[in-house]
Amino acid sequence: MRRTKVSQIYKKTGNLRAVQLLLGHTKVDGTVRYLGVELEYAWAISEAAES
């Protein structure tokens, strides 16, 4: 359930940093791997959400 919940949060908000903090990861690369998304895709979503 943990992965599902953070995946849903990430998809709804696009906030990769928030998901990283929720999971307690020190590096964003680990969060991206955990979510199972490509790093470039993750950053594109995060940047679009900030605009």
C-alpha atoms as a PDB file:
ATOM      1  CA  MET A   1       0.000   0.000   0.000  1.00  0.00           C
ATOM      2  CA  ARG A   2       2.829   2.393   0.733  1.00  0.00           C
ATOM      3  CA  ARG A   3       4.018   2.500  -2.860  1.00  0.00           C
ATOM      4  CA  THR A   4       0.469   2.849  -4.125  1.00  0.00           C
ATOM      5  CA  LYS A   5      -0.279   5.778  -1.824  1.00  0.00           C
ATOM      6  CA  VAL A   6       2.830   7.769  -2.720  1.00  0.00           C
ATOM      7  CA  SER A   7       2.322   6.976  -6.394  1.00  0.00           C
ATOM      8  CA  GLN A   8      -1.164   8.447  -6.150  1.00  0.00           C
ATOM      9  CA  ILE A   9       0.154  11.518  -4.351  1.00  0.00           C
ATOM     10  CA  TYR A  10       2.829  11.995  -7.001  1.00  0.00           C
ATOM     11  CA  LYS A  11       0.355  11.603  -9.880  1.00  0.00           C
ATOM     12  CA  LYS A  12      -2.102  14.074  -8.318  1.00  0.00           C
ATOM     13  CA  THR A  13       0.413  16.709  -7.271  1.00  0.00           C
ATOM     14  CA  GLY A  14       3.418  16.133  -9.504  1.00  0.00           C
ATOM     15  CA  ASN A  15       5.517  17.135  -6.493  1.00  0.00           C
ATOM     16  CA  LEU A  16       8.501  14.842  -6.524  1.00  0.00           C
ATOM     17  CA  ARG A  17      10.160  16.615  -3.601  1.00  0.00           C
ATOM     18  CA  ALA A  18       7.108  16.115  -1.368  1.00  0.00           C
ATOM     19  CA  VAL A  19       7.050  12.401  -2.170  1.00  0.00           C
ATOM     20  CA  GLN A  20      10.769  12.220  -1.467  1.00  0.00           C
ATOM     21  CA  LEU A  21      10.228  13.768   1.963  1.00  0.00           C
ATOM     22  CA  LEU A  22       7.247  11.519   2.730  1.00  0.00           C
ATOM     23  CA  LEU A  23       9.343   8.461   1.974  1.00  0.00           C
ATOM     24  CA  GLY A  24      12.370   9.743   3.868  1.00  0.00           C
ATOM     25  CA  HIS A  25      14.667   9.366   0.872  1.00  0.00           C
ATOM     26  CA  THR A  26      17.831  11.447   0.861  1.00  0.00           C
ATOM     27  CA  LYS A  27      18.267  11.338  -2.908  1.00  0.00           C
ATOM     28  CA  VAL A  28      15.661  12.012  -5.543  1.00  0.00           C
ATOM     29  CA  ASP A  29      17.075   9.186  -7.669  1.00  0.00           C
ATOM     30  CA  GLY A  30      15.952   6.663  -5.056  1.00  0.00           C
ATOM     31  CA  THR A  31      12.474   8.159  -5.027  1.00  0.00           C
ATOM     32  CA  VAL A  32      12.240   7.990  -8.801  1.00  0.00           C
ATOM     33  CA  ARG A  33      13.349   4.350  -8.770  1.00  0.00           C
ATOM     34  CA  TYR A  34      10.844   3.582  -6.018  1.00  0.00           C
ATOM     35  CA  LEU A  35       8.025   5.149  -8.028  1.00  0.00           C
ATOM     36  CA  GLY A  36       9.149   3.325 -11.153  1.00  0.00           C
ATOM     37  CA  VAL A  37       9.247   6.368 -13.404  1.00  0.00           C
ATOM     38  CA  GLU A  38      11.952   7.824 -15.602  1.00  0.00           C
ATOM     39  CA  LEU A  39      13.912  10.674 -14.029  1.00  0.00           C
ATOM     40  CA  GLU A  40      13.356  13.035 -16.972  1.00  0.00           C
ATOM     41  CA  TYR A  41       9.614  12.330 -16.884  1.00  0.00           C
ATOM     42  CA  ALA A  42       9.481  12.900 -13.131  1.00  0.00           C
ATOM     43  CA  TRP A  43      11.284  16.243 -13.388  1.00  0.00           C
ATOM     44  CA  ALA A  44       9.080  17.344 -16.292  1.00  0.00           C
ATOM     45  CA  ILE A  45       5.943  16.667 -14.233  1.00  0.00           C
ATOM     46  CA  SER A  46       7.391  18.413 -11.188  1.00  0.00           C
ATOM     47  CA  GLU A  47       8.384  21.481 -13.179  1.00  0.00           C
ATOM     48  CA  ALA A  48       5.002  21.654 -14.912  1.00  0.00           C
ATOM     49  CA  ALA A  49       3.220  21.483 -11.553  1.00  0.00           C
ATOM     50  CA  GLU A  50       5.239  24.425 -10.230  1.00  0.00           C
ATOM     51  CA  SER A  51       4.214  26.682 -13.120  1.00  0.00           C
END
